[in-house]
C-alpha atoms as a PDB file:
ATOM      1  CA  UNK A   1       0.138   0.166  -0.006  1.00  0.00           C
ATOM      2  CA  UNK A   2       1.492   3.440  -1.084  1.00  0.00           C
ATOM      3  CA  UNK A   3       0.118   6.552   0.193  1.00  0.00           C
ATOM      4  CA  UNK A   4       1.245   9.965  -1.411  1.00  0.00           C
ATOM      5  CA  UNK A   5       1.830  11.105  -4.882  1.00  0.00           C
ATOM      6  CA  UNK A   6       5.312  12.604  -4.697  1.00  0.00           C
ATOM      7  CA  UNK A   7       8.793  11.282  -5.586  1.00  0.00           C
ATOM      8  CA  UNK A   8       9.230   9.090  -2.327  1.00  0.00           C
ATOM      9  CA  UNK A   9       5.688   7.605  -3.219  1.00  0.00           C
ATOM     10  CA  UNK A  10       6.501   7.106  -6.875  1.00  0.00           C
ATOM     11  CA  UNK A  11       9.985   5.250  -5.626  1.00  0.00           C
ATOM     12  CA  UNK A  12       8.393   2.919  -3.519  1.00  0.00           C
ATOM     13  CA  UNK A  13       5.459   2.336  -6.319  1.00  0.00           C
ATOM     14  CA  UNK A  14       7.569  -0.800  -7.547  1.00  0.00           C
ATOM     15  CA  UNK A  15       7.477  -2.680  -4.313  1.00  0.00           C
ATOM     16  CA  UNK A  16       4.199  -2.408  -3.609  1.00  0.00           C
ATOM     17  CA  UNK A  17       2.922  -5.856  -5.276  1.00  0.00           C
ATOM     18  CA  UNK A  18       5.875  -7.736  -3.229  1.00  0.00           C
ATOM     19  CA  UNK A  19       5.249  -5.852  -0.264  1.00  0.00           C
ATOM     20  CA  UNK A  20       1.627  -5.887  -0.184  1.00  0.00           C
ATOM     21  CA  UNK A  21       1.406  -6.145   3.915  1.00  0.00           C
ATOM     22  CA  UNK A  22       3.179  -2.845   4.098  1.00  0.00           C
ATOM     23  CA  UNK A  23       2.145   0.742   3.926  1.00  0.00           C
ATOM     24  CA  UNK A  24       4.348   2.920   2.679  1.00  0.00           C
ATOM     25  CA  UNK A  25       3.533   6.449   4.116  1.00  0.00           C
ATOM     26  CA  UNK A  26       4.907   9.122   1.892  1.00  0.00           C
ATOM     27  CA  UNK A  27       2.464  12.091   1.927  1.00  0.00           C
ATOM     28  CA  UNK A  28       2.817  15.396   3.907  1.00  0.00           C
ATOM     29  CA  UNK A  29       3.962  18.832   3.571  1.00  0.00           C
ATOM     30  CA  UNK A  30       6.247  19.150   0.415  1.00  0.00           C
ATOM     31  CA  UNK A  31       7.533  22.247   1.026  1.00  0.00           C
ATOM     32  CA  UNK A  32      10.159  22.357   4.164  1.00  0.00           C
ATOM     33  CA  UNK A  33       9.893  26.051   4.412  1.00  0.00           C
ATOM     34  CA  UNK A  34       6.305  25.873   5.042  1.00  0.00           C
ATOM     35  CA  UNK A  35       5.097  27.837   8.061  1.00  0.00           C
ATOM     36  CA  UNK A  36       1.224  27.376   7.639  1.00  0.00           C
ATOM     37  CA  UNK A  37      -0.356  26.019  10.615  1.00  0.00           C
ATOM     38  CA  UNK A  38      -3.142  24.919   8.149  1.00  0.00           C
ATOM     39  CA  UNK A  39      -1.202  23.104   6.144  1.00  0.00           C
ATOM     40  CA  UNK A  40       0.494  20.816   9.322  1.00  0.00           C
ATOM     41  CA  UNK A  41      -3.242  20.622  10.645  1.00  0.00           C
ATOM     42  CA  UNK A  42      -4.275  18.928   7.302  1.00  0.00           C
ATOM     43  CA  UNK A  43      -1.364  16.842   7.439  1.00  0.00           C
ATOM     44  CA  UNK A  44      -1.932  15.783  11.064  1.00  0.00           C
ATOM     45  CA  UNK A  45      -4.978  14.730  10.411  1.00  0.00           C
ATOM     46  CA  UNK A  46      -4.741  12.502   7.367  1.00  0.00           C
ATOM     47  CA  UNK A  47      -1.843  10.759   9.130  1.00  0.00           C
ATOM     48  CA  UNK A  48      -4.032  10.203  11.978  1.00  0.00           C
ATOM     49  CA  UNK A  49      -6.735   8.623   9.573  1.00  0.00           C
ATOM     50  CA  UNK A  50      -4.323   6.431   7.865  1.00  0.00           C
ATOM     51  CA  UNK A  51      -2.763   5.237  11.161  1.00  0.00           C
ATOM     52  CA  UNK A  52      -6.637   4.235  12.224  1.00  0.00           C
ATOM     53  CA  UNK A  53      -7.036   2.330   8.876  1.00  0.00           C
ATOM     54  CA  UNK A  54      -3.848   0.298   9.620  1.00  0.00           C
ATOM     55  CA  UNK A  55      -4.041  -3.029  11.497  1.00  0.00           C
ATOM     56  CA  UNK A  56      -1.707  -3.124  14.491  1.00  0.00           C
ATOM     57  CA  UNK A  57       1.183  -5.128  14.080  1.00  0.00           C
ATOM     58  CA  UNK A  58       1.411  -4.081  10.145  1.00  0.00           C
ATOM     59  CA  UNK A  59       4.253  -2.749   9.183  1.00  0.00           C
ATOM     60  CA  UNK A  60       3.600   1.113   8.717  1.00  0.00           C
ATOM     61  CA  UNK A  61       6.958   3.056   7.181  1.00  0.00           C
ATOM     62  CA  UNK A  62       6.432   6.760   7.767  1.00  0.00           C
ATOM     63  CA  UNK A  63       9.110   9.066   5.824  1.00  0.00           C
ATOM     64  CA  UNK A  64      10.557  11.700   7.872  1.00  0.00           C
ATOM     65  CA  UNK A  65      13.362  14.080   7.672  1.00  0.00           C
ATOM     66  CA  UNK A  66      17.024  14.379   8.758  1.00  0.00           C
ATOM     67  CA  UNK A  67      16.166  17.961   9.731  1.00  0.00           C
ATOM     68  CA  UNK A  68      14.659  16.868  12.908  1.00  0.00           C
ATOM     69  CA  UNK A  69      18.163  16.483  14.450  1.00  0.00           C
ATOM     70  CA  UNK A  70      19.823  19.361  12.184  1.00  0.00           C
ATOM     71  CA  UNK A  71      20.897  22.188  14.552  1.00  0.00           C
ATOM     72  CA  UNK A  72      20.263  24.530  11.795  1.00  0.00           C
ATOM     73  CA  UNK A  73      16.554  23.302  11.333  1.00  0.00           C
ATOM     74  CA  UNK A  74      15.061  21.370  13.850  1.00  0.00           C
ATOM     75  CA  UNK A  75      13.684  24.385  15.740  1.00  0.00           C
ATOM     76  CA  UNK A  76      12.207  25.492  12.326  1.00  0.00           C
ATOM     77  CA  UNK A  77       8.084  24.864  12.113  1.00  0.00           C
ATOM     78  CA  UNK A  78       8.377  22.025   9.537  1.00  0.00           C
ATOM     79  CA  UNK A  79      11.129  19.816  11.590  1.00  0.00           C
ATOM     80  CA  UNK A  80       8.854  20.553  14.481  1.00  0.00           C
ATOM     81  CA  UNK A  81       6.050  19.177  12.835  1.00  0.00           C
ATOM     82  CA  UNK A  82       7.902  16.350  11.235  1.00  0.00           C
ATOM     83  CA  UNK A  83       9.019  15.343  14.815  1.00  0.00           C
ATOM     84  CA  UNK A  84       5.601  15.369  16.222  1.00  0.00           C
ATOM     85  CA  UNK A  85       4.001  13.380  13.632  1.00  0.00           C
ATOM     86  CA  UNK A  86       7.101  10.809  14.328  1.00  0.00           C
ATOM     87  CA  UNK A  87       5.772  10.404  17.779  1.00  0.00           C
ATOM     88  CA  UNK A  88       2.279   9.668  16.318  1.00  0.00           C
ATOM     89  CA  UNK A  89       3.660   7.061  14.734  1.00  0.00           C
ATOM     90  CA  UNK A  90       5.551   5.236  16.922  1.00  0.00           C
ATOM     91  CA  UNK A  91       2.526   4.715  18.949  1.00  0.00           C
ATOM     92  CA  UNK A  92       1.423   2.190  16.196  1.00  0.00           C
ATOM     93  CA  UNK A  93       2.979  -1.562  16.830  1.00  0.00           C
ATOM     94  CA  UNK A  94       4.820  -2.416  13.860  1.00  0.00           C
ATOM     95  CA  UNK A  95       6.025   0.938  12.787  1.00  0.00           C
ATOM     96  CA  UNK A  96       9.350   2.141  10.764  1.00  0.00           C
ATOM     97  CA  UNK A  97      10.336   5.586  10.815  1.00  0.00           C
ATOM     98  CA  UNK A  98      12.878   6.720   7.895  1.00  0.00           C
ATOM     99  CA  UNK A  99      14.391   9.974   7.965  1.00  0.00           C
ATOM    100  CA  UNK A 100      15.715  10.955   5.065  1.00  0.00           C
ATOM    101  CA  UNK A 101      17.959  14.091   3.699  1.00  0.00           C
ATOM    102  CA  UNK A 102      17.555  15.765   0.318  1.00  0.00           C
ATOM    103  CA  UNK A 103      16.386  13.242  -1.999  1.00  0.00           C
ATOM    104  CA  UNK A 104      17.090  13.285  -5.781  1.00  0.00           C
ATOM    105  CA  UNK A 105      14.905  12.242  -8.149  1.00  0.00           C
ATOM    106  CA  UNK A 106      12.526  13.321 -11.015  1.00  0.00           C
ATOM    107  CA  UNK A 107       9.910  15.353  -9.434  1.00  0.00           C
ATOM    108  CA  UNK A 108       7.861  18.787 -10.614  1.00  0.00           C
ATOM    109  CA  UNK A 109       8.381  19.793  -6.732  1.00  0.00           C
ATOM    110  CA  UNK A 110      10.149  22.910  -7.302  1.00  0.00           C
ATOM    111  CA  UNK A 111      11.173  23.290  -3.498  1.00  0.00           C
ATOM    112  CA  UNK A 112      13.826  20.681  -3.464  1.00  0.00           C
ATOM    113  CA  UNK A 113      16.951  22.094  -3.012  1.00  0.00           C
ATOM    114  CA  UNK A 114      18.397  20.579  -6.644  1.00  0.00           C
ATOM    115  CA  UNK A 115      15.335  21.762  -8.323  1.00  0.00           C
ATOM    116  CA  UNK A 116      15.546  24.909  -7.132  1.00  0.00           C
ATOM    117  CA  UNK A 117      19.193  25.260  -7.610  1.00  0.00           C
ATOM    118  CA  UNK A 118      18.744  24.112 -11.495  1.00  0.00           C
ATOM    119  CA  UNK A 119      16.344  26.490 -11.919  1.00  0.00           C
ATOM    120  CA  UNK A 120      18.442  29.309 -10.900  1.00  0.00           C
ATOM    121  CA  UNK A 121      21.343  28.257 -12.923  1.00  0.00           C
ATOM    122  CA  UNK A 122      19.898  27.383 -16.131  1.00  0.00           C
ATOM    123  CA  UNK A 123      17.735  30.748 -15.921  1.00  0.00           C
ATOM    124  CA  UNK A 124      20.852  32.951 -14.935  1.00  0.00           C
ATOM    125  CA  UNK A 125      18.645  34.019 -11.833  1.00  0.00           C
ATOM    126  CA  UNK A 126      20.992  35.440  -8.995  1.00  0.00           C
ATOM    127  CA  UNK A 127      20.447  33.566  -5.830  1.00  0.00           C
ATOM    128  CA  UNK A 128      22.062  33.376  -2.216  1.00  0.00           C
ATOM    129  CA  UNK A 129      24.511  30.712  -1.306  1.00  0.00           C
ATOM    130  CA  UNK A 130      25.333  29.794   2.230  1.00  0.00           C
ATOM    131  CA  UNK A 131      28.935  29.569   2.029  1.00  0.00           C
ATOM    132  CA  UNK A 132      29.555  27.361   4.923  1.00  0.00           C
ATOM    133  CA  UNK A 133      26.438  25.059   4.493  1.00  0.00           C
ATOM    134  CA  UNK A 134      26.123  21.653   3.316  1.00  0.00           C
ATOM    135  CA  UNK A 135      23.894  19.360   2.192  1.00  0.00           C
ATOM    136  CA  UNK A 136      23.706  15.476   1.965  1.00  0.00           C
ATOM    137  CA  UNK A 137      22.337  14.165  -1.335  1.00  0.00           C
ATOM    138  CA  UNK A 138      21.023  10.849  -1.755  1.00  0.00           C
ATOM    139  CA  UNK A 139      19.523   9.128  -5.102  1.00  0.00           C
ATOM    140  CA  UNK A 140      15.961   8.133  -4.370  1.00  0.00           C
ATOM    141  CA  UNK A 141      16.322   4.952  -6.333  1.00  0.00           C
ATOM    142  CA  UNK A 142      19.189   4.073  -3.277  1.00  0.00           C
ATOM    143  CA  UNK A 143      16.518   5.136  -0.510  1.00  0.00           C
ATOM    144  CA  UNK A 144      14.206   2.473  -1.730  1.00  0.00           C
ATOM    145  CA  UNK A 145      16.892  -0.007  -1.898  1.00  0.00           C
ATOM    146  CA  UNK A 146      18.100   0.086   1.369  1.00  0.00           C
ATOM    147  CA  UNK A 147      14.831   0.663   2.640  1.00  0.00           C
ATOM    148  CA  UNK A 148      13.501  -2.680   1.430  1.00  0.00           C
ATOM    149  CA  UNK A 149      17.064  -4.435   2.375  1.00  0.00           C
ATOM    150  CA  UNK A 150      16.432  -3.405   5.899  1.00  0.00           C
ATOM    151  CA  UNK A 151      12.819  -4.630   5.842  1.00  0.00           C
ATOM    152  CA  UNK A 152      13.446  -7.809   3.984  1.00  0.00           C
ATOM    153  CA  UNK A 153      16.990  -8.705   5.344  1.00  0.00           C
ATOM    154  CA  UNK A 154      16.670  -7.443   8.894  1.00  0.00           C
ATOM    155  CA  UNK A 155      12.990  -7.326   9.675  1.00  0.00           C
ATOM    156  CA  UNK A 156      13.231  -3.628  10.688  1.00  0.00           C
ATOM    157  CA  UNK A 157      10.624  -2.758  12.997  1.00  0.00           C
ATOM    158  CA  UNK A 158       9.698  -0.309  15.541  1.00  0.00           C
ATOM    159  CA  UNK A 159      13.000   1.802  15.101  1.00  0.00           C
ATOM    160  CA  UNK A 160      14.028   5.149  13.344  1.00  0.00           C
ATOM    161  CA  UNK A 161      16.556   4.892  10.999  1.00  0.00           C
ATOM    162  CA  UNK A 162      18.387   7.441   8.851  1.00  0.00           C
ATOM    163  CA  UNK A 163      18.703   6.510   5.498  1.00  0.00           C
ATOM    164  CA  UNK A 164      21.479   9.171   3.756  1.00  0.00           C
ATOM    165  CA  UNK A 165      24.621   9.308   2.083  1.00  0.00           C
ATOM    166  CA  UNK A 166      27.533   8.906   4.456  1.00  0.00           C
ATOM    167  CA  UNK A 167      29.001  11.963   3.419  1.00  0.00           C
ATOM    168  CA  UNK A 168      27.857  15.524   2.885  1.00  0.00           C
ATOM    169  CA  UNK A 169      28.577  17.628   0.282  1.00  0.00           C
ATOM    170  CA  UNK A 170      29.370  21.508   0.340  1.00  0.00           C
ATOM    171  CA  UNK A 171      26.720  23.989  -1.534  1.00  0.00           C
ATOM    172  CA  UNK A 172      29.655  25.169  -3.357  1.00  0.00           C
ATOM    173  CA  UNK A 173      30.246  21.566  -4.589  1.00  0.00           C
ATOM    174  CA  UNK A 174      26.577  21.126  -5.447  1.00  0.00           C
ATOM    175  CA  UNK A 175      26.312  24.194  -7.273  1.00  0.00           C
ATOM    176  CA  UNK A 176      29.780  23.417  -9.330  1.00  0.00           C
ATOM    177  CA  UNK A 177      28.460  20.035  -9.974  1.00  0.00           C
ATOM    178  CA  UNK A 178      25.371  21.670 -11.312  1.00  0.00           C
ATOM    179  CA  UNK A 179      27.096  24.167 -13.369  1.00  0.00           C
ATOM    180  CA  UNK A 180      29.118  21.119 -15.163  1.00  0.00           C
ATOM    181  CA  UNK A 181      26.190  19.060 -15.738  1.00  0.00           C
ATOM    182  CA  UNK A 182      23.947  22.131 -17.297  1.00  0.00           C
ATOM    183  CA  UNK A 183      27.014  24.086 -18.722  1.00  0.00           C
ATOM    184  CA  UNK A 184      25.637  26.938 -17.220  1.00  0.00           C
ATOM    185  CA  UNK A 185      27.349  29.473 -15.042  1.00  0.00           C
ATOM    186  CA  UNK A 186      25.506  29.957 -11.687  1.00  0.00           C
ATOM    187  CA  UNK A 187      25.006  33.674 -10.489  1.00  0.00           C
ATOM    188  CA  UNK A 188      24.995  33.945  -6.768  1.00  0.00           C
ATOM    189  CA  UNK A 189      26.035  36.107  -3.824  1.00  0.00           C
ATOM    190  CA  UNK A 190      28.031  34.485  -1.418  1.00  0.00           C
ATOM    191  CA  UNK A 191      26.958  34.797   2.359  1.00  0.00           C
ATOM    192  CA  UNK A 192      28.966  33.840   5.206  1.00  0.00           C
ATOM    193  CA  UNK A 193      26.163  31.853   6.602  1.00  0.00           C
ATOM    194  CA  UNK A 194      25.470  28.251   7.190  1.00  0.00           C
ATOM    195  CA  UNK A 195      27.043  25.018   9.046  1.00  0.00           C
ATOM    196  CA  UNK A 196      27.232  21.598   8.398  1.00  0.00           C
ATOM    197  CA  UNK A 197      25.386  18.567  10.548  1.00  0.00           C
ATOM    198  CA  UNK A 198      26.928  15.058  10.155  1.00  0.00           C
ATOM    199  CA  UNK A 199      23.998  12.501   9.968  1.00  0.00           C
ATOM    200  CA  UNK A 200      24.644   9.125  11.537  1.00  0.00           C
ATOM    201  CA  UNK A 201      24.520   6.365   8.536  1.00  0.00           C
ATOM    202  CA  UNK A 202      25.810   3.724  10.942  1.00  0.00           C
ATOM    203  CA  UNK A 203      22.685   2.094  11.215  1.00  0.00           C
ATOM    204  CA  UNK A 204      22.514   1.274   7.450  1.00  0.00           C
ATOM    205  CA  UNK A 205      26.318   0.609   6.944  1.00  0.00           C
ATOM    206  CA  UNK A 206      25.467  -3.695   6.476  1.00  0.00           C
ATOM    207  CA  UNK A 207      22.408  -2.463   4.185  1.00  0.00           C
ATOM    208  CA  UNK A 208      25.004  -0.551   2.096  1.00  0.00           C
ATOM    209  CA  UNK A 209      27.286  -3.469   1.247  1.00  0.00           C
ATOM    210  CA  UNK A 210      24.411  -5.744   0.701  1.00  0.00           C
ATOM    211  CA  UNK A 211      22.868  -3.521  -1.733  1.00  0.00           C
ATOM    212  CA  UNK A 212      26.218  -2.640  -3.389  1.00  0.00           C
ATOM    213  CA  UNK A 213      25.899   1.327  -3.112  1.00  0.00           C
ATOM    214  CA  UNK A 214      29.175   3.011  -3.638  1.00  0.00           C
ATOM    215  CA  UNK A 215      29.091   6.502  -1.808  1.00  0.00           C
ATOM    216  CA  UNK A 216      32.418   7.613  -3.051  1.00  0.00           C
ATOM    217  CA  UNK A 217      33.430  11.262  -4.382  1.00  0.00           C
ATOM    218  CA  UNK A 218      31.901  10.457  -7.821  1.00  0.00           C
ATOM    219  CA  UNK A 219      28.579   9.668  -6.354  1.00  0.00           C
ATOM    220  CA  UNK A 220      27.489  13.575  -6.307  1.00  0.00           C
ATOM    221  CA  UNK A 221      28.200  14.093  -9.712  1.00  0.00           C
ATOM    222  CA  UNK A 222      26.601  10.768 -10.999  1.00  0.00           C
ATOM    223  CA  UNK A 223      23.311  11.735  -9.220  1.00  0.00           C
ATOM    224  CA  UNK A 224      23.106  15.154 -10.294  1.00  0.00           C
ATOM    225  CA  UNK A 225      24.022  13.653 -13.984  1.00  0.00           C
ATOM    226  CA  UNK A 226      21.390  11.221 -13.851  1.00  0.00           C
ATOM    227  CA  UNK A 227      18.473  13.743 -13.434  1.00  0.00           C
ATOM    228  CA  UNK A 228      19.343  16.895 -14.522  1.00  0.00           C
ATOM    229  CA  UNK A 229      22.308  16.466 -17.642  1.00  0.00           C
END
């Protein structure tokens, strides 16, 4: 069962037939900059309804965000909202909370970091670049592989797990990669802001090996080229 229609939902659609007893809940507020309490309330009520519909003991997979532990983001309205929904999900016997960073994939959502930067760069629009900020980029396809591997090979249940790239990329690196891939020069104002938050990926290290995913120095370039070249 898939709930949602965005990038994560479409990523897990191919697993629906083989995991009919699993509810992959991938619906939610799509803009992490949202501060509208009405949007958050709609999101909460929708999750509440679906939790009530899924029998206790049946695996309910909820996709959250790594930003709930990011010192730069966790005090924001979106991260606070996601953390509160995690607590709701944990009341379900048979839950799995998967926290994700910035996921790369084919999506019309203009609020993802890569879509935002791609649009600004290809349109030659000026933007502010936080010089000291970093982001964790992972391919949606790899999110799916790791999540399903955790369920199938480890029976992951009643846990909260980060599925992320073991290494962050600086904003300078991400912009430079998009410049190479798009063959457009970015126009930006460098701002001395931001910081780096290391995401703990130790829980998925065995899964990464089983899936044969290589998070090396070329991973960012390959992932960006896959979706934006």
